[in-house]
Amino acid sequence: AEFMQRAAWNNPGAMAAVLKLSAETVEKICFNYKNAYAVNYNCKGQTAAAVSKNELSAFCDEVKKLGGRAVPLAVSGGFHSPFMDEAAENLYNELQKFKTNKPNIPIYANLTAEPYGDDIKATASKQVNHPVYWQKTIENMIKDGINTFIEVGPGKTLCGLIRKISPQVRV
């Protein structure tokens, strides 16, 4: 968190949840801006983007023109994007101080939407500055036999996304 906050100060960014548009459309919109990235593939019709603060208003206007809705998020940076390159590098270097073991149970990485492989440190650090494939992760977990999901912490945002991905599972 400290590395990410420092990166946010050094590389000011913002985020917006884009509703009612496909992930592909959000990606196309992002290509129209110097610093805009589709970063959270949450569920069908909901993709979040990290955008430079000075491009956020124009980005949101373009989303609206295409029939979508952009909701600026109350976050302090443009997470899961190149805005966080510095944080990813610092995390990787910090993780080198620790020994990691292969998990005893599958732990899915949002970088790959698959269980962690052999290079846990690289995967964990890359999750800081690369997109989150939430929908694909949940789909892969269901395919692998997981049918019950428990959200820990305040709110029910993740449970709501899981219900949109697969109404058949238990949340």
N, C-alpha and C. Protein backbone atom coordinates (compact mmCIF):
# COMPACT_ATOMS: atom_id res chain seq x y z
N ALA A 1 0.83 -1.19 0.00
CA ALA A 1 0.00 0.00 0.00
C ALA A 1 0.87 1.25 0.00
N GLU A 2 1.96 1.21 0.77
CA GLU A 2 2.86 2.36 0.82
C GLU A 2 3.48 2.62 -0.56
N PHE A 3 3.91 1.57 -1.24
CA PHE A 3 4.50 1.73 -2.57
C PHE A 3 3.47 2.27 -3.56
N MET A 4 2.25 1.80 -3.46
CA MET A 4 1.20 2.25 -4.37
C MET A 4 0.84 3.71 -4.10
N GLN A 5 0.80 4.09 -2.83
CA GLN A 5 0.47 5.48 -2.51
C GLN A 5 1.56 6.42 -3.02
N ARG A 6 2.82 6.02 -2.85
CA ARG A 6 3.92 6.84 -3.35
C ARG A 6 3.84 6.97 -4.87
N ALA A 7 3.55 5.87 -5.55
CA ALA A 7 3.42 5.90 -7.01
C ALA A 7 2.26 6.81 -7.43
N ALA A 8 1.18 6.78 -6.66
CA ALA A 8 0.02 7.64 -6.96
C ALA A 8 0.39 9.11 -6.83
N TRP A 9 1.20 9.44 -5.84
CA TRP A 9 1.65 10.83 -5.68
C TRP A 9 2.55 11.25 -6.85
N ASN A 10 3.42 10.33 -7.26
CA ASN A 10 4.39 10.65 -8.32
C ASN A 10 3.78 10.60 -9.72
N ASN A 11 2.68 9.87 -9.89
CA ASN A 11 2.04 9.69 -11.19
C ASN A 11 0.53 9.87 -11.03
N PRO A 12 0.07 11.11 -10.89
CA PRO A 12 -1.34 11.34 -10.58
C PRO A 12 -2.29 10.71 -11.61
N GLY A 13 -3.16 9.89 -11.11
CA GLY A 13 -4.15 9.24 -11.94
C GLY A 13 -5.47 9.15 -11.20
N ALA A 14 -6.48 8.73 -11.92
CA ALA A 14 -7.82 8.57 -11.36
C ALA A 14 -8.39 7.29 -11.95
N MET A 15 -9.57 6.92 -11.47
CA MET A 15 -10.24 5.75 -12.00
C MET A 15 -11.72 6.03 -12.17
N ALA A 16 -12.31 5.34 -13.14
CA ALA A 16 -13.75 5.44 -13.35
C ALA A 16 -14.27 4.06 -13.71
N ALA A 17 -15.39 3.70 -13.12
CA ALA A 17 -16.09 2.49 -13.51
C ALA A 17 -16.95 2.84 -14.71
N VAL A 18 -16.84 2.04 -15.76
CA VAL A 18 -17.63 2.27 -16.96
C VAL A 18 -18.71 1.20 -17.01
N LEU A 19 -19.95 1.66 -17.03
CA LEU A 19 -21.11 0.78 -17.02
C LEU A 19 -21.81 0.83 -18.38
N LYS A 20 -22.47 -0.26 -18.72
CA LYS A 20 -23.33 -0.35 -19.92
C LYS A 20 -22.56 -0.46 -21.22
N LEU A 21 -21.25 -0.56 -21.20
CA LEU A 21 -20.47 -0.73 -22.42
C LEU A 21 -19.65 -2.01 -22.30
N SER A 22 -19.33 -2.62 -23.43
CA SER A 22 -18.50 -3.82 -23.41
C SER A 22 -17.06 -3.47 -23.05
N ALA A 23 -16.33 -4.45 -22.60
CA ALA A 23 -14.92 -4.25 -22.28
C ALA A 23 -14.16 -3.80 -23.54
N GLU A 24 -14.52 -4.36 -24.67
CA GLU A 24 -13.86 -3.99 -25.92
C GLU A 24 -14.08 -2.52 -26.26
N THR A 25 -15.27 -2.02 -26.00
CA THR A 25 -15.57 -0.61 -26.26
C THR A 25 -14.76 0.28 -25.31
N VAL A 26 -14.66 -0.13 -24.05
CA VAL A 26 -13.85 0.64 -23.09
C VAL A 26 -12.39 0.67 -23.54
N GLU A 27 -11.88 -0.46 -24.01
CA GLU A 27 -10.50 -0.50 -24.51
C GLU A 27 -10.32 0.47 -25.67
N LYS A 28 -11.28 0.50 -26.59
CA LYS A 28 -11.20 1.41 -27.74
C LYS A 28 -11.21 2.86 -27.30
N ILE A 29 -12.04 3.18 -26.32
CA ILE A 29 -12.06 4.55 -25.79
C ILE A 29 -10.69 4.90 -25.21
N CYS A 30 -10.13 3.98 -24.45
CA CYS A 30 -8.83 4.23 -23.82
C CYS A 30 -7.74 4.54 -24.85
N PHE A 31 -7.80 3.89 -26.01
CA PHE A 31 -6.80 4.13 -27.05
C PHE A 31 -6.82 5.56 -27.56
N ASN A 32 -7.91 6.29 -27.30
CA ASN A 32 -8.00 7.68 -27.75
C ASN A 32 -7.30 8.66 -26.82
N TYR A 33 -6.74 8.16 -25.74
CA TYR A 33 -6.11 9.02 -24.73
C TYR A 33 -4.67 8.57 -24.48
N LYS A 34 -3.84 9.54 -24.14
CA LYS A 34 -2.42 9.24 -23.90
C LYS A 34 -2.26 8.32 -22.69
N ASN A 35 -3.03 8.58 -21.63
CA ASN A 35 -2.89 7.82 -20.39
C ASN A 35 -4.24 7.34 -19.89
N ALA A 36 -4.79 6.37 -20.59
CA ALA A 36 -6.04 5.74 -20.17
C ALA A 36 -5.92 4.25 -20.45
N TYR A 37 -6.32 3.44 -19.46
CA TYR A 37 -6.12 2.00 -19.55
C TYR A 37 -7.33 1.28 -18.96
N ALA A 38 -7.83 0.28 -19.67
CA ALA A 38 -8.85 -0.59 -19.10
C ALA A 38 -8.13 -1.49 -18.09
N VAL A 39 -8.58 -1.47 -16.84
CA VAL A 39 -7.79 -2.15 -15.80
C VAL A 39 -8.55 -3.14 -14.93
N ASN A 40 -9.85 -3.03 -14.84
CA ASN A 40 -10.62 -3.96 -14.03
C ASN A 40 -11.76 -4.51 -14.87
N TYR A 41 -11.61 -5.76 -15.29
CA TYR A 41 -12.63 -6.43 -16.08
C TYR A 41 -13.54 -7.16 -15.09
N ASN A 42 -14.52 -6.41 -14.56
CA ASN A 42 -15.31 -6.89 -13.43
C ASN A 42 -16.40 -7.88 -13.81
N CYS A 43 -17.20 -7.53 -14.79
CA CYS A 43 -18.28 -8.41 -15.27
C CYS A 43 -18.78 -7.80 -16.57
N LYS A 44 -19.66 -8.52 -17.25
CA LYS A 44 -20.21 -8.00 -18.49
C LYS A 44 -20.88 -6.65 -18.20
N GLY A 45 -20.47 -5.64 -18.96
CA GLY A 45 -21.07 -4.32 -18.78
C GLY A 45 -20.45 -3.48 -17.68
N GLN A 46 -19.32 -3.94 -17.11
CA GLN A 46 -18.64 -3.14 -16.08
C GLN A 46 -17.14 -3.36 -16.17
N THR A 47 -16.47 -2.33 -16.66
CA THR A 47 -15.01 -2.33 -16.76
C THR A 47 -14.52 -1.02 -16.19
N ALA A 48 -13.55 -1.08 -15.30
CA ALA A 48 -12.98 0.15 -14.75
C ALA A 48 -11.75 0.55 -15.56
N ALA A 49 -11.52 1.84 -15.62
CA ALA A 49 -10.37 2.38 -16.33
C ALA A 49 -9.56 3.28 -15.41
N ALA A 50 -8.25 3.22 -15.59
CA ALA A 50 -7.34 4.17 -14.94
C ALA A 50 -7.02 5.23 -15.98
N VAL A 51 -7.14 6.49 -15.59
CA VAL A 51 -7.01 7.60 -16.52
C VAL A 51 -6.24 8.72 -15.83
N SER A 52 -5.43 9.45 -16.60
CA SER A 52 -4.77 10.61 -16.00
C SER A 52 -5.83 11.59 -15.54
N LYS A 53 -5.54 12.30 -14.47
CA LYS A 53 -6.53 13.23 -13.90
C LYS A 53 -6.97 14.27 -14.92
N ASN A 54 -6.04 14.73 -15.75
CA ASN A 54 -6.40 15.79 -16.71
C ASN A 54 -7.20 15.25 -17.90
N GLU A 55 -7.28 13.93 -18.07
CA GLU A 55 -8.06 13.35 -19.17
C GLU A 55 -9.38 12.74 -18.70
N LEU A 56 -9.59 12.68 -17.40
CA LEU A 56 -10.76 11.98 -16.85
C LEU A 56 -12.08 12.57 -17.35
N SER A 57 -12.23 13.88 -17.33
CA SER A 57 -13.48 14.51 -17.73
C SER A 57 -13.81 14.19 -19.19
N ALA A 58 -12.83 14.33 -20.08
CA ALA A 58 -13.05 14.03 -21.50
C ALA A 58 -13.36 12.55 -21.69
N PHE A 59 -12.68 11.69 -20.94
CA PHE A 59 -12.93 10.25 -21.01
C PHE A 59 -14.38 9.96 -20.63
N CYS A 60 -14.83 10.51 -19.53
CA CYS A 60 -16.20 10.29 -19.06
C CYS A 60 -17.21 10.82 -20.07
N ASP A 61 -16.92 11.97 -20.69
CA ASP A 61 -17.82 12.52 -21.72
C ASP A 61 -17.91 11.57 -22.91
N GLU A 62 -16.80 10.99 -23.32
CA GLU A 62 -16.81 10.07 -24.46
C GLU A 62 -17.61 8.81 -24.14
N VAL A 63 -17.46 8.31 -22.91
CA VAL A 63 -18.25 7.15 -22.49
C VAL A 63 -19.74 7.47 -22.62
N LYS A 64 -20.13 8.64 -22.15
CA LYS A 64 -21.55 9.04 -22.20
C LYS A 64 -22.05 9.14 -23.64
N LYS A 65 -21.22 9.71 -24.53
CA LYS A 65 -21.60 9.84 -25.93
C LYS A 65 -21.86 8.49 -26.59
N LEU A 66 -21.18 7.46 -26.09
CA LEU A 66 -21.33 6.12 -26.66
C LEU A 66 -22.41 5.29 -25.96
N GLY A 67 -23.18 5.95 -25.07
CA GLY A 67 -24.30 5.27 -24.42
C GLY A 67 -23.97 4.60 -23.11
N GLY A 68 -22.78 4.83 -22.61
CA GLY A 68 -22.38 4.26 -21.33
C GLY A 68 -22.49 5.27 -20.21
N ARG A 69 -22.10 4.82 -19.04
CA ARG A 69 -22.09 5.69 -17.87
C ARG A 69 -20.74 5.52 -17.19
N ALA A 70 -20.04 6.59 -16.95
CA ALA A 70 -18.74 6.56 -16.27
C ALA A 70 -18.92 7.12 -14.87
N VAL A 71 -18.51 6.35 -13.88
CA VAL A 71 -18.63 6.75 -12.49
C VAL A 71 -17.22 6.92 -11.92
N PRO A 72 -16.76 8.16 -11.72
CA PRO A 72 -15.44 8.34 -11.12
C PRO A 72 -15.39 7.66 -9.74
N LEU A 73 -14.30 6.99 -9.48
CA LEU A 73 -14.14 6.25 -8.23
C LEU A 73 -13.37 7.08 -7.22
N ALA A 74 -13.71 6.93 -5.96
CA ALA A 74 -13.05 7.67 -4.88
C ALA A 74 -11.79 6.92 -4.46
N VAL A 75 -10.79 6.96 -5.34
CA VAL A 75 -9.50 6.32 -5.07
C VAL A 75 -8.39 7.35 -5.25
N SER A 76 -7.23 7.05 -4.75
CA SER A 76 -6.14 8.03 -4.76
C SER A 76 -5.18 7.88 -5.92
N GLY A 77 -5.46 6.95 -6.87
CA GLY A 77 -4.54 6.78 -7.98
C GLY A 77 -5.13 5.96 -9.09
N GLY A 78 -4.33 5.79 -10.12
CA GLY A 78 -4.71 4.98 -11.27
C GLY A 78 -4.14 3.59 -11.12
N PHE A 79 -4.80 2.78 -10.34
CA PHE A 79 -4.27 1.47 -9.96
C PHE A 79 -4.38 0.45 -11.10
N HIS A 80 -3.54 -0.59 -11.00
CA HIS A 80 -3.50 -1.69 -11.97
C HIS A 80 -3.18 -1.20 -13.37
N SER A 81 -2.35 -0.19 -13.46
CA SER A 81 -1.99 0.42 -14.74
C SER A 81 -0.52 0.86 -14.69
N PRO A 82 0.00 1.36 -15.81
CA PRO A 82 1.37 1.88 -15.81
C PRO A 82 1.61 3.01 -14.81
N PHE A 83 0.55 3.65 -14.32
CA PHE A 83 0.73 4.65 -13.26
C PHE A 83 1.42 4.02 -12.04
N MET A 84 1.33 2.70 -11.92
CA MET A 84 1.85 1.98 -10.76
C MET A 84 3.14 1.22 -11.05
N ASP A 85 3.82 1.52 -12.15
CA ASP A 85 5.05 0.80 -12.49
C ASP A 85 6.08 0.87 -11.37
N GLU A 86 6.24 2.05 -10.81
CA GLU A 86 7.19 2.24 -9.71
C GLU A 86 6.83 1.36 -8.51
N ALA A 87 5.57 1.27 -8.18
CA ALA A 87 5.13 0.45 -7.05
C ALA A 87 5.37 -1.02 -7.32
N ALA A 88 5.11 -1.47 -8.54
CA ALA A 88 5.32 -2.88 -8.89
C ALA A 88 6.80 -3.24 -8.75
N GLU A 89 7.67 -2.38 -9.21
CA GLU A 89 9.11 -2.64 -9.10
C GLU A 89 9.54 -2.67 -7.63
N ASN A 90 9.05 -1.72 -6.85
CA ASN A 90 9.41 -1.69 -5.42
C ASN A 90 8.88 -2.91 -4.69
N LEU A 91 7.67 -3.34 -5.01
CA LEU A 91 7.12 -4.54 -4.38
C LEU A 91 7.94 -5.76 -4.74
N TYR A 92 8.29 -5.89 -6.01
CA TYR A 92 9.10 -7.04 -6.44
C TYR A 92 10.42 -7.08 -5.66
N ASN A 93 11.08 -5.94 -5.55
CA ASN A 93 12.35 -5.88 -4.81
C ASN A 93 12.15 -6.23 -3.34
N GLU A 94 11.06 -5.76 -2.75
CA GLU A 94 10.78 -6.06 -1.34
C GLU A 94 10.50 -7.55 -1.16
N LEU A 95 9.78 -8.14 -2.07
CA LEU A 95 9.45 -9.57 -1.96
C LEU A 95 10.68 -10.46 -2.07
N GLN A 96 11.74 -9.95 -2.66
CA GLN A 96 12.97 -10.74 -2.77
C GLN A 96 13.57 -11.06 -1.39
N LYS A 97 13.17 -10.33 -0.37
CA LYS A 97 13.68 -10.54 0.99
C LYS A 97 13.02 -11.74 1.67
N PHE A 98 11.97 -12.28 1.05
CA PHE A 98 11.18 -13.32 1.70
C PHE A 98 11.20 -14.62 0.91
N LYS A 99 11.04 -15.71 1.63
CA LYS A 99 10.93 -17.03 1.01
C LYS A 99 9.44 -17.31 0.80
N THR A 100 9.10 -17.80 -0.35
CA THR A 100 7.71 -18.17 -0.61
C THR A 100 7.63 -19.67 -0.86
N ASN A 101 6.51 -20.23 -0.52
CA ASN A 101 6.25 -21.64 -0.75
C ASN A 101 5.04 -21.78 -1.66
N LYS A 102 4.99 -22.87 -2.36
CA LYS A 102 3.83 -23.15 -3.20
C LYS A 102 2.62 -23.28 -2.29
N PRO A 103 1.50 -22.65 -2.63
CA PRO A 103 0.30 -22.75 -1.78
C PRO A 103 -0.20 -24.19 -1.69
N ASN A 104 -0.80 -24.51 -0.55
CA ASN A 104 -1.40 -25.83 -0.34
C ASN A 104 -2.76 -25.96 -1.02
N ILE A 105 -3.39 -24.83 -1.27
CA ILE A 105 -4.67 -24.80 -1.96
C ILE A 105 -4.53 -23.82 -3.13
N PRO A 106 -5.37 -23.93 -4.14
CA PRO A 106 -5.26 -22.99 -5.26
C PRO A 106 -5.58 -21.56 -4.81
N ILE A 107 -4.70 -20.65 -5.16
CA ILE A 107 -4.91 -19.22 -4.94
C ILE A 107 -4.82 -18.58 -6.32
N TYR A 108 -5.89 -17.96 -6.73
CA TYR A 108 -5.97 -17.42 -8.08
C TYR A 108 -5.37 -16.02 -8.14
N ALA A 109 -4.57 -15.80 -9.17
CA ALA A 109 -3.93 -14.51 -9.39
C ALA A 109 -4.80 -13.68 -10.33
N ASN A 110 -5.04 -12.43 -9.98
CA ASN A 110 -5.86 -11.61 -10.87
C ASN A 110 -5.09 -11.20 -12.13
N LEU A 111 -3.79 -11.42 -12.15
CA LEU A 111 -2.97 -11.14 -13.33
C LEU A 111 -3.26 -12.13 -14.45
N THR A 112 -3.48 -13.39 -14.08
CA THR A 112 -3.63 -14.46 -15.07
C THR A 112 -5.02 -15.10 -15.06
N ALA A 113 -5.79 -14.89 -14.02
CA ALA A 113 -7.09 -15.54 -13.81
C ALA A 113 -6.91 -17.04 -13.58
N GLU A 114 -5.73 -17.46 -13.24
CA GLU A 114 -5.38 -18.86 -12.99
C GLU A 114 -4.72 -18.97 -11.62
N PRO A 115 -4.63 -20.19 -11.07
CA PRO A 115 -3.87 -20.33 -9.83
C PRO A 115 -2.42 -19.87 -10.03
N TYR A 116 -1.84 -19.34 -8.96
CA TYR A 116 -0.44 -18.90 -9.00
C TYR A 116 0.44 -20.02 -9.52
N GLY A 117 1.42 -19.66 -10.32
CA GLY A 117 2.40 -20.61 -10.81
C GLY A 117 3.62 -20.61 -9.91
N ASP A 118 4.76 -20.90 -10.50
CA ASP A 118 5.99 -21.04 -9.72
C ASP A 118 6.58 -19.70 -9.27
N ASP A 119 6.41 -18.64 -10.05
CA ASP A 119 7.04 -17.36 -9.70
C ASP A 119 6.04 -16.45 -9.00
N ILE A 120 5.78 -16.77 -7.75
CA ILE A 120 4.79 -16.04 -6.96
C ILE A 120 5.17 -14.57 -6.81
N LYS A 121 6.43 -14.30 -6.59
CA LYS A 121 6.87 -12.91 -6.37
C LYS A 121 6.64 -12.05 -7.61
N ALA A 122 6.99 -12.56 -8.76
CA ALA A 122 6.80 -11.79 -9.99
C ALA A 122 5.31 -11.59 -10.27
N THR A 123 4.53 -12.64 -10.08
CA THR A 123 3.09 -12.53 -10.33
C THR A 123 2.46 -11.53 -9.38
N ALA A 124 2.78 -11.62 -8.11
CA ALA A 124 2.19 -10.70 -7.12
C ALA A 124 2.56 -9.25 -7.44
N SER A 125 3.79 -8.99 -7.80
CA SER A 125 4.20 -7.61 -8.08
C SER A 125 3.58 -7.10 -9.38
N LYS A 126 3.43 -7.95 -10.38
CA LYS A 126 2.83 -7.51 -11.65
C LYS A 126 1.34 -7.19 -11.49
N GLN A 127 0.70 -7.74 -10.48
CA GLN A 127 -0.72 -7.44 -10.27
C GLN A 127 -0.93 -5.97 -9.92
N VAL A 128 0.10 -5.30 -9.47
CA VAL A 128 0.01 -3.89 -9.08
C VAL A 128 -0.16 -2.99 -10.31
N ASN A 129 0.50 -3.34 -11.42
CA ASN A 129 0.48 -2.45 -12.58
C ASN A 129 -0.08 -3.10 -13.84
N HIS A 130 -0.82 -4.17 -13.67
CA HIS A 130 -1.48 -4.84 -14.79
C HIS A 130 -2.97 -5.01 -14.46
N PRO A 131 -3.79 -5.21 -15.49
CA PRO A 131 -5.24 -5.33 -15.28
C PRO A 131 -5.64 -6.50 -14.38
N VAL A 132 -6.80 -6.32 -13.77
CA VAL A 132 -7.43 -7.34 -12.93
C VAL A 132 -8.49 -8.03 -13.78
N TYR A 133 -8.34 -9.33 -13.97
CA TYR A 133 -9.28 -10.11 -14.76
C TYR A 133 -10.26 -10.82 -13.83
N TRP A 134 -11.07 -10.02 -13.14
CA TRP A 134 -11.99 -10.54 -12.13
C TRP A 134 -13.00 -11.51 -12.74
N GLN A 135 -13.67 -11.10 -13.80
CA GLN A 135 -14.69 -11.97 -14.40
C GLN A 135 -14.08 -13.30 -14.82
N LYS A 136 -12.96 -13.26 -15.52
CA LYS A 136 -12.31 -14.50 -15.98
C LYS A 136 -11.84 -15.34 -14.80
N THR A 137 -11.37 -14.69 -13.73
CA THR A 137 -10.94 -15.42 -12.54
C THR A 137 -12.12 -16.18 -11.94
N ILE A 138 -13.24 -15.51 -11.77
CA ILE A 138 -14.42 -16.16 -11.19
C ILE A 138 -14.90 -17.28 -12.11
N GLU A 139 -14.93 -17.03 -13.41
CA GLU A 139 -15.33 -18.08 -14.36
C GLU A 139 -14.42 -19.30 -14.25
N ASN A 140 -13.11 -19.07 -14.13
CA ASN A 140 -12.17 -20.18 -14.00
C ASN A 140 -12.35 -20.92 -12.68
N MET A 141 -12.62 -20.20 -11.63
CA MET A 141 -12.86 -20.85 -10.33
C MET A 141 -14.10 -21.74 -10.41
N ILE A 142 -15.15 -21.25 -11.04
CA ILE A 142 -16.38 -22.03 -11.19
C ILE A 142 -16.10 -23.27 -12.04
N LYS A 143 -15.37 -23.08 -13.13
CA LYS A 143 -15.01 -24.20 -14.00
C LYS A 143 -14.21 -25.25 -13.21
N ASP A 144 -13.42 -24.79 -12.25
CA ASP A 144 -12.59 -25.69 -11.44
C ASP A 144 -13.35 -26.29 -10.26
N GLY A 145 -14.66 -26.02 -10.17
CA GLY A 145 -15.49 -26.67 -9.16
C GLY A 145 -15.85 -25.83 -7.95
N ILE A 146 -15.44 -24.59 -7.91
CA ILE A 146 -15.79 -23.73 -6.78
C ILE A 146 -17.20 -23.20 -7.01
N ASN A 147 -18.07 -23.39 -6.02
CA ASN A 147 -19.46 -22.97 -6.20
C ASN A 147 -20.00 -22.11 -5.06
N THR A 148 -19.13 -21.77 -4.09
CA THR A 148 -19.52 -20.92 -2.98
C THR A 148 -18.46 -19.83 -2.80
N PHE A 149 -18.90 -18.58 -2.70
CA PHE A 149 -17.99 -17.45 -2.55
C PHE A 149 -18.41 -16.65 -1.32
N ILE A 150 -17.43 -16.26 -0.51
CA ILE A 150 -17.69 -15.49 0.71
C ILE A 150 -16.90 -14.20 0.61
N GLU A 151 -17.59 -13.09 0.71
CA GLU A 151 -16.92 -11.78 0.70
C GLU A 151 -16.60 -11.40 2.13
N VAL A 152 -15.32 -11.13 2.37
CA VAL A 152 -14.86 -10.75 3.70
C VAL A 152 -14.64 -9.24 3.70
N GLY A 153 -15.19 -8.57 4.69
CA GLY A 153 -15.02 -7.13 4.78
C GLY A 153 -16.35 -6.42 4.59
N PRO A 154 -16.31 -5.08 4.64
CA PRO A 154 -17.55 -4.32 4.53
C PRO A 154 -18.09 -4.33 3.11
N GLY A 155 -19.38 -4.27 3.00
CA GLY A 155 -20.02 -4.18 1.70
C GLY A 155 -20.25 -5.52 1.04
N LYS A 156 -20.90 -5.45 -0.13
CA LYS A 156 -21.25 -6.65 -0.88
C LYS A 156 -20.95 -6.47 -2.36
N THR A 157 -20.00 -5.61 -2.68
CA THR A 157 -19.69 -5.30 -4.07
C THR A 157 -19.25 -6.54 -4.84
N LEU A 158 -18.33 -7.30 -4.27
CA LEU A 158 -17.80 -8.47 -4.97
C LEU A 158 -18.87 -9.54 -5.13
N CYS A 159 -19.69 -9.73 -4.11
CA CYS A 159 -20.79 -10.70 -4.22
C CYS A 159 -21.72 -10.30 -5.36
N GLY A 160 -22.00 -9.01 -5.50
CA GLY A 160 -22.85 -8.53 -6.58
C GLY A 160 -22.23 -8.82 -7.95
N LEU A 161 -20.93 -8.63 -8.07
CA LEU A 161 -20.27 -8.93 -9.34
C LEU A 161 -20.33 -10.42 -9.64
N ILE A 162 -20.12 -11.24 -8.62
CA ILE A 162 -20.16 -12.69 -8.82
C ILE A 162 -21.56 -13.12 -9.26
N ARG A 163 -22.59 -12.56 -8.66
CA ARG A 163 -23.97 -12.88 -9.07
C ARG A 163 -24.21 -12.53 -10.54
N LYS A 164 -23.62 -11.42 -11.00
CA LYS A 164 -23.77 -11.04 -12.40
C LYS A 164 -23.01 -12.01 -13.32
N ILE A 165 -21.89 -12.51 -12.85
CA ILE A 165 -21.09 -13.44 -13.64
C ILE A 165 -21.76 -14.80 -13.71
N SER A 166 -22.28 -15.27 -12.55
CA SER A 166 -22.92 -16.59 -12.52
C SER A 166 -23.97 -16.63 -11.41
N PRO A 167 -25.23 -16.44 -11.77
CA PRO A 167 -26.29 -16.47 -10.76
C PRO A 167 -26.46 -17.85 -10.11
N GLN A 168 -25.86 -18.88 -10.67
CA GLN A 168 -26.03 -20.24 -10.13
C GLN A 168 -25.19 -20.50 -8.89
N VAL A 169 -24.13 -19.75 -8.65
CA VAL A 169 -23.27 -20.03 -7.49
C VAL A 169 -23.82 -19.39 -6.24
N ARG A 170 -23.33 -19.84 -5.12
CA ARG A 170 -23.74 -19.32 -3.81
C ARG A 170 -22.78 -18.21 -3.40
N VAL A 171 -23.33 -17.08 -2.98
CA VAL A 171 -22.49 -16.01 -2.46
C VAL A 171 -22.95 -15.63 -1.07
